Amino acid sequence: MTPSSPVPPAPLDQGRLEGSLLAPAGPWNRVTVVERTGSTNADAAAGAVADPTAWPDLSALLTTHQDAGRGRLDRSWEIEPGEGLAISLVLRPTDPTGRPLPTQTYGWLTLLAALALAESLGGPEGVTATIKWPNDVLVHDKKIAGILAQLTGSPDGTPPAVVLGCGINVTQELAALPVPTATSLAASGARRLDANDVATAFLSTFAAHYRDFCACSGDATRAGERGSSLIRSTSLWMDTLGRRVRVQLPDGSELTGEATGLAVDGALQVIGSDLAQHDIHAADIVHLRAEESR
């Protein structure tokens, strides 16, 4: 290898990840690495339904090569070998008494994952990331990661599991990214590019926030052991708040206004041109530049 040759990305190391993350040393109950798959979300969801015992709460499935993944609105979510990281989490959230959390609290799990990812990508060797509501993580206003949540089936009458899929751009150069609004850790100047390090930081941070979320019975307004409520912590990292936005609603209509806050259920609060507050539960959000806001 010549001095100018790029260093190939380190493959995911199951033993290394288990040593850092699995109980009793770590908070996770299952960590599985696959070299290649069509979709980590599809695989994790199928496993969670077929064998709930084998896929308990806080299970993770990881790969650096995904060739048939789907994101929001059925968009393609592929990862070329070694260029990114796909992680799917199987969650079965319960309150301190062991009762399953109400499904209406599940909307916060996507934002919780975005918060954990934004936090974990930082540090001296990382990047400064922010959250774009509802499910993107940005660096310099470009998308570096996306999150997709889905509920599994529950054929035996047990509460459904939540599967959270996270896709992170890691080593791609700018020219290799699919759209000009995307970026990667490498393209953003991060020095932490080992997928094992990226995954460990994210999963450790996620588990800490998730533990607080469950201890607070899914109430995002209550402060947990980390000293802050989930709604406050998420708001502090969210780049969408305080900005002019265009809201593209599922029915095809649009709303333009200022994003002012998060509701207790995680909805985005937008003051529209009609001066009314709109609670947005599902939509595509476009951050508007000054010239687009006029």
C-alpha atoms as a PDB file:
ATOM      1  CA  MET A   1       0.000   0.000   0.000  1.00  0.00           C
ATOM      2  CA  THR A   2       1.429   3.363  -0.972  1.00  0.00           C
ATOM      3  CA  PRO A   3       1.454   6.210   1.567  1.00  0.00           C
ATOM      4  CA  SER A   4      -1.252   8.023  -0.380  1.00  0.00           C
ATOM      5  CA  SER A   5      -3.598   5.023  -0.506  1.00  0.00           C
ATOM      6  CA  PRO A   6      -6.713   5.342   1.636  1.00  0.00           C
ATOM      7  CA  VAL A   7      -6.853   3.114   4.685  1.00  0.00           C
ATOM      8  CA  PRO A   8      -9.654   0.576   4.263  1.00  0.00           C
ATOM      9  CA  PRO A   9     -12.423   0.883   6.862  1.00  0.00           C
ATOM     10  CA  ALA A  10     -12.200  -1.515   9.788  1.00  0.00           C
ATOM     11  CA  PRO A  11     -14.918  -4.197   9.634  1.00  0.00           C
ATOM     12  CA  LEU A  12     -17.426  -4.544  12.400  1.00  0.00           C
ATOM     13  CA  ASP A  13     -16.049  -6.787  15.122  1.00  0.00           C
ATOM     14  CA  GLN A  14     -18.761  -8.703  16.981  1.00  0.00           C
ATOM     15  CA  GLY A  15     -16.473  -9.696  19.857  1.00  0.00           C
ATOM     16  CA  ARG A  16     -15.290  -6.132  20.355  1.00  0.00           C
ATOM     17  CA  LEU A  17     -18.847  -4.765  20.319  1.00  0.00           C
ATOM     18  CA  GLU A  18     -20.107  -7.431  22.692  1.00  0.00           C
ATOM     19  CA  GLY A  19     -17.274  -6.724  25.102  1.00  0.00           C
ATOM     20  CA  SER A  20     -18.255  -3.060  25.292  1.00  0.00           C
ATOM     21  CA  LEU A  21     -22.035  -3.305  25.107  1.00  0.00           C
ATOM     22  CA  LEU A  22     -23.419  -6.616  26.359  1.00  0.00           C
ATOM     23  CA  ALA A  23     -24.686  -7.141  29.885  1.00  0.00           C
ATOM     24  CA  PRO A  24     -23.414  -7.324  32.570  1.00  0.00           C
ATOM     25  CA  ALA A  25     -20.604  -4.942  31.536  1.00  0.00           C
ATOM     26  CA  GLY A  26     -22.904  -2.984  29.195  1.00  0.00           C
ATOM     27  CA  PRO A  27     -26.628  -2.239  28.896  1.00  0.00           C
ATOM     28  CA  TRP A  28     -27.477  -4.313  25.799  1.00  0.00           C
ATOM     29  CA  ASN A  29     -28.965  -7.802  25.788  1.00  0.00           C
ATOM     30  CA  ARG A  30     -28.094  -8.823  22.224  1.00  0.00           C
ATOM     31  CA  VAL A  31     -25.614  -7.479  19.668  1.00  0.00           C
ATOM     32  CA  THR A  32     -25.475  -9.235  16.290  1.00  0.00           C
ATOM     33  CA  VAL A  33     -23.223  -8.331  13.360  1.00  0.00           C
ATOM     34  CA  VAL A  34     -23.889  -9.505   9.805  1.00  0.00           C
ATOM     35  CA  GLU A  35     -21.525  -8.897   6.899  1.00  0.00           C
ATOM     36  CA  ARG A  36     -24.351  -8.134   4.466  1.00  0.00           C
ATOM     37  CA  THR A  37     -28.133  -8.027   4.427  1.00  0.00           C
ATOM     38  CA  GLY A  38     -30.996  -6.623   2.450  1.00  0.00           C
ATOM     39  CA  SER A  39     -32.462  -4.713   5.383  1.00  0.00           C
ATOM     40  CA  THR A  40     -31.503  -4.773   9.055  1.00  0.00           C
ATOM     41  CA  ASN A  41     -34.983  -3.474   9.926  1.00  0.00           C
ATOM     42  CA  ALA A  42     -36.713  -6.290   8.056  1.00  0.00           C
ATOM     43  CA  ASP A  43     -34.427  -8.895   9.637  1.00  0.00           C
ATOM     44  CA  ALA A  44     -34.789  -7.503  13.153  1.00  0.00           C
ATOM     45  CA  ALA A  45     -38.569  -7.194  12.845  1.00  0.00           C
ATOM     46  CA  ALA A  46     -38.900 -10.752  11.571  1.00  0.00           C
ATOM     47  CA  GLY A  47     -36.721 -12.066  14.397  1.00  0.00           C
ATOM     48  CA  ALA A  48     -38.591 -10.063  17.038  1.00  0.00           C
ATOM     49  CA  VAL A  49     -41.903 -11.591  15.961  1.00  0.00           C
ATOM     50  CA  ALA A  50     -40.661 -15.145  15.393  1.00  0.00           C
ATOM     51  CA  ASP A  51     -38.698 -15.476  18.646  1.00  0.00           C
ATOM     52  CA  PRO A  52     -39.258 -12.699  21.210  1.00  0.00           C
ATOM     53  CA  THR A  53     -37.031 -14.484  23.720  1.00  0.00           C
ATOM     54  CA  ALA A  54     -34.075 -14.413  21.328  1.00  0.00           C
ATOM     55  CA  TRP A  55     -34.742 -10.737  20.527  1.00  0.00           C
ATOM     56  CA  PRO A  56     -35.409  -9.131  23.920  1.00  0.00           C
ATOM     57  CA  ASP A  57     -35.542  -5.468  24.772  1.00  0.00           C
ATOM     58  CA  LEU A  58     -32.308  -3.687  23.819  1.00  0.00           C
ATOM     59  CA  SER A  59     -31.240  -5.975  20.984  1.00  0.00           C
ATOM     60  CA  ALA A  60     -29.178  -4.581  18.101  1.00  0.00           C
ATOM     61  CA  LEU A  61     -28.439  -5.823  14.575  1.00  0.00           C
ATOM     62  CA  LEU A  62     -25.598  -4.126  12.671  1.00  0.00           C
ATOM     63  CA  THR A  63     -24.034  -4.209   9.223  1.00  0.00           C
ATOM     64  CA  THR A  64     -21.849  -2.075   6.972  1.00  0.00           C
ATOM     65  CA  HIS A  65     -23.434  -3.419   3.766  1.00  0.00           C
ATOM     66  CA  GLN A  66     -27.190  -3.075   3.190  1.00  0.00           C
ATOM     67  CA  ASP A  67     -28.563  -3.389  -0.333  1.00  0.00           C
ATOM     68  CA  ALA A  68     -32.365  -3.412  -0.043  1.00  0.00           C
ATOM     69  CA  GLY A  69     -33.244  -1.134   2.854  1.00  0.00           C
ATOM     70  CA  ARG A  70     -36.157   1.260   2.741  1.00  0.00           C
ATOM     71  CA  GLY A  71     -36.571   4.576   4.548  1.00  0.00           C
ATOM     72  CA  ARG A  72     -39.476   6.943   5.089  1.00  0.00           C
ATOM     73  CA  LEU A  73     -41.946   7.189   2.204  1.00  0.00           C
ATOM     74  CA  ASP A  74     -40.395   3.974   0.811  1.00  0.00           C
ATOM     75  CA  ARG A  75     -37.178   5.755  -0.163  1.00  0.00           C
ATOM     76  CA  SER A  76     -34.124   3.619  -0.903  1.00  0.00           C
ATOM     77  CA  TRP A  77     -31.772   3.131   2.053  1.00  0.00           C
ATOM     78  CA  GLU A  78     -28.713   1.327   0.729  1.00  0.00           C
ATOM     79  CA  ILE A  79     -25.174   1.234   2.142  1.00  0.00           C
ATOM     80  CA  GLU A  80     -22.249   0.268  -0.045  1.00  0.00           C
ATOM     81  CA  PRO A  81     -19.721  -2.112   1.555  1.00  0.00           C
ATOM     82  CA  GLY A  82     -17.830  -0.393   4.360  1.00  0.00           C
ATOM     83  CA  GLU A  83     -19.075   3.121   3.569  1.00  0.00           C
ATOM     84  CA  GLY A  84     -21.770   3.435   6.193  1.00  0.00           C
ATOM     85  CA  LEU A  85     -23.422   1.796   9.118  1.00  0.00           C
ATOM     86  CA  ALA A  86     -26.935   0.368   9.450  1.00  0.00           C
ATOM     87  CA  ILE A  87     -28.136  -0.405  12.967  1.00  0.00           C
ATOM     88  CA  SER A  88     -31.577  -1.710  13.882  1.00  0.00           C
ATOM     89  CA  LEU A  89     -32.704  -1.744  17.499  1.00  0.00           C
ATOM     90  CA  VAL A  90     -35.402  -3.997  18.955  1.00  0.00           C
ATOM     91  CA  LEU A  91     -37.118  -2.269  21.867  1.00  0.00           C
ATOM     92  CA  ARG A  92     -39.806  -3.504  24.250  1.00  0.00           C
ATOM     93  CA  PRO A  93     -40.187  -0.492  26.568  1.00  0.00           C
ATOM     94  CA  THR A  94     -41.674  -0.998  30.032  1.00  0.00           C
ATOM     95  CA  ASP A  95     -42.229   1.246  33.050  1.00  0.00           C
ATOM     96  CA  PRO A  96     -40.532   0.658  36.443  1.00  0.00           C
ATOM     97  CA  THR A  97     -43.237  -1.882  37.387  1.00  0.00           C
ATOM     98  CA  GLY A  98     -42.571  -3.937  34.254  1.00  0.00           C
ATOM     99  CA  ARG A  99     -45.734  -2.909  32.432  1.00  0.00           C
ATOM    100  CA  PRO A 100     -45.414  -2.110  28.714  1.00  0.00           C
ATOM    101  CA  LEU A 101     -45.410   1.602  27.983  1.00  0.00           C
ATOM    102  CA  PRO A 102     -48.484   2.963  26.163  1.00  0.00           C
ATOM    103  CA  THR A 103     -47.965   2.895  22.419  1.00  0.00           C
ATOM    104  CA  GLN A 104     -48.721   6.637  22.263  1.00  0.00           C
ATOM    105  CA  THR A 105     -45.319   7.228  23.893  1.00  0.00           C
ATOM    106  CA  TYR A 106     -43.516   5.396  21.078  1.00  0.00           C
ATOM    107  CA  GLY A 107     -43.347   8.504  18.905  1.00  0.00           C
ATOM    108  CA  TRP A 108     -40.600   9.794  21.183  1.00  0.00           C
ATOM    109  CA  LEU A 109     -38.311   6.850  20.419  1.00  0.00           C
ATOM    110  CA  THR A 110     -37.309   8.224  17.005  1.00  0.00           C
ATOM    111  CA  LEU A 111     -36.418  11.579  18.560  1.00  0.00           C
ATOM    112  CA  LEU A 112     -34.604   9.817  21.406  1.00  0.00           C
ATOM    113  CA  ALA A 113     -32.479   7.954  18.854  1.00  0.00           C
ATOM    114  CA  ALA A 114     -31.764  11.190  16.962  1.00  0.00           C
ATOM    115  CA  LEU A 115     -30.696  12.850  20.214  1.00  0.00           C
ATOM    116  CA  ALA A 116     -28.404   9.947  21.126  1.00  0.00           C
ATOM    117  CA  LEU A 117     -26.877   9.917  17.659  1.00  0.00           C
ATOM    118  CA  ALA A 118     -26.285  13.686  17.564  1.00  0.00           C
ATOM    119  CA  GLU A 119     -24.627  13.552  20.988  1.00  0.00           C
ATOM    120  CA  SER A 120     -22.508  10.504  20.196  1.00  0.00           C
ATOM    121  CA  LEU A 121     -21.111  11.900  16.934  1.00  0.00           C
ATOM    122  CA  GLY A 122     -19.481  14.788  18.802  1.00  0.00           C
ATOM    123  CA  GLY A 123     -16.286  15.050  20.813  1.00  0.00           C
ATOM    124  CA  PRO A 124     -12.701  15.924  19.838  1.00  0.00           C
ATOM    125  CA  GLU A 125     -12.599  13.412  16.956  1.00  0.00           C
ATOM    126  CA  GLY A 126     -16.193  13.826  15.873  1.00  0.00           C
ATOM    127  CA  VAL A 127     -18.489  16.444  14.380  1.00  0.00           C
ATOM    128  CA  THR A 128     -21.049  18.932  15.650  1.00  0.00           C
ATOM    129  CA  ALA A 129     -24.436  17.483  14.760  1.00  0.00           C
ATOM    130  CA  THR A 130     -28.011  18.714  15.138  1.00  0.00           C
ATOM    131  CA  ILE A 131     -31.469  17.176  14.798  1.00  0.00           C
ATOM    132  CA  LYS A 132     -33.948  17.921  12.035  1.00  0.00           C
ATOM    133  CA  TRP A 133     -37.488  16.969  13.013  1.00  0.00           C
ATOM    134  CA  PRO A 134     -38.627  14.248  12.935  1.00  0.00           C
ATOM    135  CA  ASN A 135     -35.910  11.757  12.083  1.00  0.00           C
ATOM    136  CA  ASP A 136     -32.743  13.227  10.557  1.00  0.00           C
ATOM    137  CA  VAL A 137     -29.353  14.121  12.000  1.00  0.00           C
ATOM    138  CA  LEU A 138     -27.515  16.971  10.263  1.00  0.00           C
ATOM    139  CA  VAL A 139     -23.986  18.324  10.087  1.00  0.00           C
ATOM    140  CA  HIS A 140     -23.658  21.827   8.589  1.00  0.00           C
ATOM    141  CA  ASP A 141     -27.306  21.538   7.494  1.00  0.00           C
ATOM    142  CA  LYS A 142     -26.589  18.366   5.503  1.00  0.00           C
ATOM    143  CA  LYS A 143     -28.015  14.946   6.340  1.00  0.00           C
ATOM    144  CA  ILE A 144     -25.539  12.532   7.875  1.00  0.00           C
ATOM    145  CA  ALA A 145     -28.017  10.016   9.306  1.00  0.00           C
ATOM    146  CA  GLY A 146     -31.675   9.052   9.218  1.00  0.00           C
ATOM    147  CA  ILE A 147     -33.893   7.034  11.517  1.00  0.00           C
ATOM    148  CA  LEU A 148     -36.953   4.920  10.730  1.00  0.00           C
ATOM    149  CA  ALA A 149     -39.298   3.379  13.312  1.00  0.00           C
ATOM    150  CA  GLN A 150     -41.758   0.553  12.783  1.00  0.00           C
ATOM    151  CA  LEU A 151     -43.977  -1.618  14.969  1.00  0.00           C
ATOM    152  CA  THR A 152     -43.785  -5.376  14.674  1.00  0.00           C
ATOM    153  CA  GLY A 153     -46.746  -7.679  14.655  1.00  0.00           C
ATOM    154  CA  SER A 154     -47.860  -9.377  17.855  1.00  0.00           C
ATOM    155  CA  PRO A 155     -49.506 -12.679  16.872  1.00  0.00           C
ATOM    156  CA  ASP A 156     -49.584 -14.063  20.411  1.00  0.00           C
ATOM    157  CA  GLY A 157     -51.255 -10.990  21.874  1.00  0.00           C
ATOM    158  CA  THR A 158     -48.111  -9.613  23.485  1.00  0.00           C
ATOM    159  CA  PRO A 159     -47.323  -5.902  23.004  1.00  0.00           C
ATOM    160  CA  PRO A 160     -45.555  -5.203  19.703  1.00  0.00           C
ATOM    161  CA  ALA A 161     -41.863  -4.472  19.674  1.00  0.00           C
ATOM    162  CA  VAL A 162     -40.517  -1.241  18.234  1.00  0.00           C
ATOM    163  CA  VAL A 163     -37.774  -1.575  15.632  1.00  0.00           C
ATOM    164  CA  LEU A 164     -35.664   1.550  15.124  1.00  0.00           C
ATOM    165  CA  GLY A 165     -33.428   1.586  12.061  1.00  0.00           C
ATOM    166  CA  CYS A 166     -30.527   4.031  11.934  1.00  0.00           C
ATOM    167  CA  GLY A 167     -28.437   4.651   8.829  1.00  0.00           C
ATOM    168  CA  ILE A 168     -25.194   6.617   9.229  1.00  0.00           C
ATOM    169  CA  ASN A 169     -22.912   7.851   6.436  1.00  0.00           C
ATOM    170  CA  VAL A 170     -19.349   7.156   7.575  1.00  0.00           C
ATOM    171  CA  THR A 171     -16.522   7.056   5.010  1.00  0.00           C
ATOM    172  CA  GLN A 172     -18.065   8.375   1.773  1.00  0.00           C
ATOM    173  CA  GLU A 173     -16.366  11.286   0.053  1.00  0.00           C
ATOM    174  CA  LEU A 174     -18.655  14.102  -1.080  1.00  0.00           C
ATOM    175  CA  ALA A 175     -18.570  12.961  -4.709  1.00  0.00           C
ATOM    176  CA  ALA A 176     -19.853   9.512  -3.701  1.00  0.00           C
ATOM    177  CA  LEU A 177     -22.898  10.771  -1.821  1.00  0.00           C
ATOM    178  CA  PRO A 178     -26.226  10.404  -3.645  1.00  0.00           C
ATOM    179  CA  VAL A 179     -27.460  14.003  -3.247  1.00  0.00           C
ATOM    180  CA  PRO A 180     -25.780  17.369  -2.543  1.00  0.00           C
ATOM    181  CA  THR A 181     -27.783  17.700   0.678  1.00  0.00           C
ATOM    182  CA  ALA A 182     -26.030  14.673   2.203  1.00  0.00           C
ATOM    183  CA  THR A 183     -22.732  14.393   4.026  1.00  0.00           C
ATOM    184  CA  SER A 184     -20.683  11.798   5.885  1.00  0.00           C
ATOM    185  CA  LEU A 185     -18.360  11.689   8.857  1.00  0.00           C
ATOM    186  CA  ALA A 186     -15.338  11.644   6.558  1.00  0.00           C
ATOM    187  CA  ALA A 187     -16.630  14.469   4.369  1.00  0.00           C
ATOM    188  CA  SER A 188     -17.408  16.529   7.479  1.00  0.00           C
ATOM    189  CA  GLY A 189     -13.869  16.234   8.823  1.00  0.00           C
ATOM    190  CA  ALA A 190     -14.409  13.662  11.585  1.00  0.00           C
ATOM    191  CA  ARG A 191     -11.423  11.591  12.641  1.00  0.00           C
ATOM    192  CA  ARG A 192     -13.500   8.885  14.332  1.00  0.00           C
ATOM    193  CA  LEU A 193     -14.269   6.706  11.296  1.00  0.00           C
ATOM    194  CA  ASP A 194     -14.045   3.198  12.737  1.00  0.00           C
ATOM    195  CA  ALA A 195     -17.569   1.776  12.504  1.00  0.00           C
ATOM    196  CA  ASN A 196     -17.035  -0.077  15.787  1.00  0.00           C
ATOM    197  CA  ASP A 197     -16.326   3.189  17.598  1.00  0.00           C
ATOM    198  CA  VAL A 198     -19.270   4.954  15.958  1.00  0.00           C
ATOM    199  CA  ALA A 199     -21.636   2.107  16.835  1.00  0.00           C
ATOM    200  CA  THR A 200     -20.402   1.766  20.415  1.00  0.00           C
ATOM    201  CA  ALA A 201     -20.743   5.485  21.117  1.00  0.00           C
ATOM    202  CA  PHE A 202     -24.261   5.601  19.687  1.00  0.00           C
ATOM    203  CA  LEU A 203     -25.537   2.446  21.376  1.00  0.00           C
ATOM    204  CA  SER A 204     -24.104   3.429  24.764  1.00  0.00           C
ATOM    205  CA  THR A 205     -25.621   6.913  24.578  1.00  0.00           C
ATOM    206  CA  PHE A 206     -28.954   5.575  23.334  1.00  0.00           C
ATOM    207  CA  ALA A 207     -29.214   3.074  26.179  1.00  0.00           C
ATOM    208  CA  ALA A 208     -28.666   5.796  28.797  1.00  0.00           C
ATOM    209  CA  HIS A 209     -31.462   7.970  27.363  1.00  0.00           C
ATOM    210  CA  TYR A 210     -33.728   4.942  26.900  1.00  0.00           C
ATOM    211  CA  ARG A 211     -33.231   3.889  30.513  1.00  0.00           C
ATOM    212  CA  ASP A 212     -34.362   7.363  31.609  1.00  0.00           C
ATOM    213  CA  PHE A 213     -37.315   7.237  29.197  1.00  0.00           C
ATOM    214  CA  CYS A 214     -38.546   3.951  30.660  1.00  0.00           C
ATOM    215  CA  ALA A 215     -37.885   5.074  34.257  1.00  0.00           C
ATOM    216  CA  CYS A 216     -40.093   8.113  33.554  1.00  0.00           C
ATOM    217  CA  SER A 217     -42.824   5.829  32.139  1.00  0.00           C
ATOM    218  CA  GLY A 218     -42.419   7.437  28.721  1.00  0.00           C
ATOM    219  CA  ASP A 219     -43.185  10.929  30.041  1.00  0.00           C
ATOM    220  CA  ALA A 220     -40.896  13.214  28.027  1.00  0.00           C
ATOM    221  CA  THR A 221     -41.551  16.142  30.361  1.00  0.00           C
ATOM    222  CA  ARG A 222     -40.074  14.442  33.450  1.00  0.00           C
ATOM    223  CA  ALA A 223     -36.381  14.796  34.288  1.00  0.00           C
ATOM    224  CA  GLY A 224     -34.511  11.511  34.506  1.00  0.00           C
ATOM    225  CA  GLU A 225     -31.237  10.527  36.107  1.00  0.00           C
ATOM    226  CA  ARG A 226     -29.350  12.527  33.464  1.00  0.00           C
ATOM    227  CA  GLY A 227     -30.848  15.685  34.995  1.00  0.00           C
ATOM    228  CA  SER A 228     -32.992  16.870  32.099  1.00  0.00           C
ATOM    229  CA  SER A 229     -36.289  15.891  30.516  1.00  0.00           C
ATOM    230  CA  LEU A 230     -36.274  14.293  27.087  1.00  0.00           C
ATOM    231  CA  ILE A 231     -38.298  17.155  25.602  1.00  0.00           C
ATOM    232  CA  ARG A 232     -35.788  19.723  26.869  1.00  0.00           C
ATOM    233  CA  SER A 233     -32.717  17.763  25.807  1.00  0.00           C
ATOM    234  CA  THR A 234     -34.118  17.119  22.337  1.00  0.00           C
ATOM    235  CA  SER A 235     -35.159  20.751  21.903  1.00  0.00           C
ATOM    236  CA  LEU A 236     -31.637  21.951  22.712  1.00  0.00           C
ATOM    237  CA  TRP A 237     -30.179  19.803  19.909  1.00  0.00           C
ATOM    238  CA  MET A 238     -32.942  20.461  17.366  1.00  0.00           C
ATOM    239  CA  ASP A 239     -31.965  22.763  14.509  1.00  0.00           C
ATOM    240  CA  THR A 240     -35.573  22.912  13.277  1.00  0.00           C
ATOM    241  CA  LEU A 241     -36.773  25.016  16.215  1.00  0.00           C
ATOM    242  CA  GLY A 242     -36.702  28.764  15.702  1.00  0.00           C
ATOM    243  CA  ARG A 243     -36.528  28.387  11.921  1.00  0.00           C
ATOM    244  CA  ARG A 244     -38.893  29.152   9.095  1.00  0.00           C
ATOM    245  CA  VAL A 245     -40.040  25.843   7.652  1.00  0.00           C
ATOM    246  CA  ARG A 246     -42.176  24.465   4.882  1.00  0.00           C
ATOM    247  CA  VAL A 247     -44.295  21.561   6.108  1.00  0.00           C
ATOM    248  CA  GLN A 248     -45.219  19.050   3.413  1.00  0.00           C
ATOM    249  CA  LEU A 249     -48.180  17.129   4.843  1.00  0.00           C
ATOM    250  CA  PRO A 250     -49.128  13.543   3.946  1.00  0.00           C
ATOM    251  CA  ASP A 251     -52.288  14.703   2.131  1.00  0.00           C
ATOM    252  CA  GLY A 252     -50.192  16.792  -0.276  1.00  0.00           C
ATOM    253  CA  SER A 253     -50.976  20.170   1.285  1.00  0.00           C
ATOM    254  CA  GLU A 254     -48.289  22.512   2.593  1.00  0.00           C
ATOM    255  CA  LEU A 255     -47.904  24.888   5.500  1.00  0.00           C
ATOM    256  CA  THR A 256     -45.241  27.567   5.903  1.00  0.00           C
ATOM    257  CA  GLY A 257     -44.418  29.063   9.264  1.00  0.00           C
ATOM    258  CA  GLU A 258     -42.025  29.142  12.201  1.00  0.00           C
ATOM    259  CA  ALA A 259     -41.207  26.000  14.180  1.00  0.00           C
ATOM    260  CA  THR A 260     -41.517  27.089  17.799  1.00  0.00           C
ATOM    261  CA  GLY A 261     -41.375  23.980  19.963  1.00  0.00           C
ATOM    262  CA  LEU A 262     -42.203  20.348  20.634  1.00  0.00           C
ATOM    263  CA  ALA A 263     -45.504  19.148  22.053  1.00  0.00           C
ATOM    264  CA  VAL A 264     -45.617  16.662  24.922  1.00  0.00           C
ATOM    265  CA  ASP A 265     -46.157  13.845  22.406  1.00  0.00           C
ATOM    266  CA  GLY A 266     -43.196  14.903  20.226  1.00  0.00           C
ATOM    267  CA  ALA A 267     -45.242  16.721  17.595  1.00  0.00           C
ATOM    268  CA  LEU A 268     -43.623  19.768  15.978  1.00  0.00           C
ATOM    269  CA  GLN A 269     -45.392  23.017  16.840  1.00  0.00           C
ATOM    270  CA  VAL A 270     -45.523  25.468  13.925  1.00  0.00           C
ATOM    271  CA  ILE A 271     -47.028  28.962  13.916  1.00  0.00           C
ATOM    272  CA  GLY A 272     -48.417  29.355  10.417  1.00  0.00           C
ATOM    273  CA  SER A 273     -49.111  32.428   8.323  1.00  0.00           C
ATOM    274  CA  ASP A 274     -52.639  32.279   9.769  1.00  0.00           C
ATOM    275  CA  LEU A 275     -51.002  32.962  13.185  1.00  0.00           C
ATOM    276  CA  ALA A 276     -52.468  29.709  14.505  1.00  0.00           C
ATOM    277  CA  GLN A 277     -50.392  26.981  16.139  1.00  0.00           C
ATOM    278  CA  HIS A 278     -50.348  23.698  14.249  1.00  0.00           C
ATOM    279  CA  ASP A 279     -49.171  20.466  15.883  1.00  0.00           C
ATOM    280  CA  ILE A 280     -47.482  18.407  13.177  1.00  0.00           C
ATOM    281  CA  HIS A 281     -47.338  14.679  13.813  1.00  0.00           C
ATOM    282  CA  ALA A 282     -46.221  13.446  10.395  1.00  0.00           C
ATOM    283  CA  ALA A 283     -44.697  15.471   7.569  1.00  0.00           C
ATOM    284  CA  ASP A 284     -41.602  16.226   5.550  1.00  0.00           C
ATOM    285  CA  ILE A 285     -39.954  19.400   6.824  1.00  0.00           C
ATOM    286  CA  VAL A 286     -37.912  21.767   4.677  1.00  0.00           C
ATOM    287  CA  HIS A 287     -35.671  24.287   6.448  1.00  0.00           C
ATOM    288  CA  LEU A 288     -36.086  27.562   4.571  1.00  0.00           C
ATOM    289  CA  ARG A 289     -33.283  29.995   3.880  1.00  0.00           C
ATOM    290  CA  ALA A 290     -33.915  33.710   4.360  1.00  0.00           C
ATOM    291  CA  GLU A 291     -34.641  34.324   0.692  1.00  0.00           C
ATOM    292  CA  GLU A 292     -37.146  31.430   0.621  1.00  0.00           C
ATOM    293  CA  SER A 293     -39.017  32.760   3.656  1.00  0.00           C
ATOM    294  CA  ARG A 294     -40.208  35.920   1.981  1.00  0.00           C
END
